[in-house]
Amino acid sequence: VQRDVLAPAGKLGILIANTTKYGPAVHTIRPGSPMEGLMFVNDIIVSIDDVDTSEYTAEQITKLMKETVREERKITVLSAHR
C-alpha cells in the first residue's frame, strides 16, 4: 500500500537502511518517536515532499531529512500497513 505520512518539524527518531530493491527502508523507529504508529519497520521511502527518493541511499535520505528538519515533511512510503 502506498500512503503519505505527514512528519512534524524536528527530529523523527527513525533510522534508514538500504535494504530493498525498491529503495531505502525504515530500519528502526526509536521509542517515543513522533513517527510511532505512522511509519513502520520495513516501510520503503519512495518520496519526500514529492521528490523521488527510490534511488537514494540511506545517507542521502538522512541528509535530506536534516536539511528540512525545521519544516513539516510529506513522506510517501510503500507499506504492508494501511
Protein backbone atom coordinates (compact mmCIF):
# COMPACT_ATOMS: atom_id res chain seq x y z
CA VAL A 1 0.00 0.00 0.00
CA GLN A 2 1.37 3.43 -0.89
CA ARG A 3 0.50 6.14 1.59
CA ASP A 4 1.55 9.60 2.66
CA VAL A 5 2.73 10.36 6.18
CA LEU A 6 2.99 13.92 7.49
CA ALA A 7 6.13 14.18 9.58
CA PRO A 8 6.35 17.10 12.00
CA ALA A 9 9.24 19.53 12.12
CA GLY A 10 12.11 18.27 14.23
CA LYS A 11 13.96 15.00 14.56
CA LEU A 12 11.89 11.97 13.65
CA GLY A 13 13.68 9.24 15.57
CA ILE A 14 13.91 6.81 12.67
CA LEU A 15 16.88 5.02 11.14
CA ILE A 16 17.01 4.23 7.43
CA ALA A 17 18.78 1.29 5.78
CA ASN A 18 19.36 0.30 2.16
CA THR A 19 17.53 -2.99 2.46
CA THR A 20 15.30 -3.39 -0.58
CA LYS A 21 15.45 -3.37 -4.35
CA TYR A 22 12.65 -0.75 -4.30
CA GLY A 23 14.54 1.83 -2.28
CA PRO A 24 15.65 2.68 1.23
CA ALA A 25 13.57 1.27 4.05
CA VAL A 26 12.89 2.13 7.66
CA HIS A 27 15.21 0.02 9.82
CA THR A 28 14.36 1.30 13.32
CA ILE A 29 11.77 3.53 14.93
CA ARG A 30 13.03 4.73 18.28
CA PRO A 31 10.71 4.64 21.30
CA GLY A 32 8.98 8.00 21.70
CA SER A 33 9.45 8.88 18.03
CA PRO A 34 6.70 11.11 16.60
CA MET A 35 6.54 8.55 13.77
CA GLU A 36 5.41 5.65 16.01
CA GLY A 37 2.20 4.28 14.56
CA LEU A 38 2.62 6.34 11.37
CA MET A 39 5.64 4.60 9.87
CA PHE A 40 6.72 1.02 10.41
CA VAL A 41 9.92 -1.03 10.17
CA ASN A 42 10.45 -2.13 6.55
CA ASP A 43 8.34 0.73 5.10
CA ILE A 44 10.04 1.78 1.86
CA ILE A 45 10.52 5.53 1.47
CA VAL A 46 9.65 6.41 -2.14
CA SER A 47 9.48 10.20 -1.86
CA ILE A 48 9.90 13.14 0.48
CA ASP A 49 7.92 16.26 -0.37
CA ASP A 50 7.23 14.75 -3.81
CA VAL A 51 10.97 14.28 -4.54
CA ASP A 52 11.50 10.71 -5.77
CA THR A 53 13.86 9.01 -3.31
CA SER A 54 13.60 5.45 -4.62
CA GLU A 55 17.18 5.65 -5.94
CA TYR A 56 18.56 7.40 -2.83
CA THR A 57 20.92 5.79 -0.35
CA ALA A 58 20.18 5.80 3.36
CA GLU A 59 22.77 8.57 3.73
CA GLN A 60 21.06 10.72 1.09
CA ILE A 61 17.67 10.29 2.80
CA THR A 62 19.19 11.21 6.16
CA LYS A 63 20.83 14.30 4.64
CA LEU A 64 17.55 15.41 3.04
CA MET A 65 15.71 14.96 6.35
CA LYS A 66 18.35 17.02 8.19
CA GLU A 67 18.09 19.82 5.59
CA THR A 68 14.33 20.06 6.18
CA VAL A 69 14.36 19.44 9.96
CA ARG A 70 12.61 22.77 10.69
CA GLU A 71 9.70 22.01 8.33
CA GLU A 72 6.79 19.59 8.19
CA ARG A 73 7.55 16.95 5.57
CA LYS A 74 5.36 14.66 3.48
CA ILE A 75 6.91 11.21 3.33
CA THR A 76 5.44 8.72 0.87
CA VAL A 77 6.01 5.09 1.78
CA LEU A 78 5.22 1.65 0.45
CA SER A 79 3.98 -0.31 3.43
CA ALA A 80 2.33 -3.55 4.45
CA HIS A 81 0.31 -1.41 6.92
CA ARG A 82 -2.68 0.67 5.94
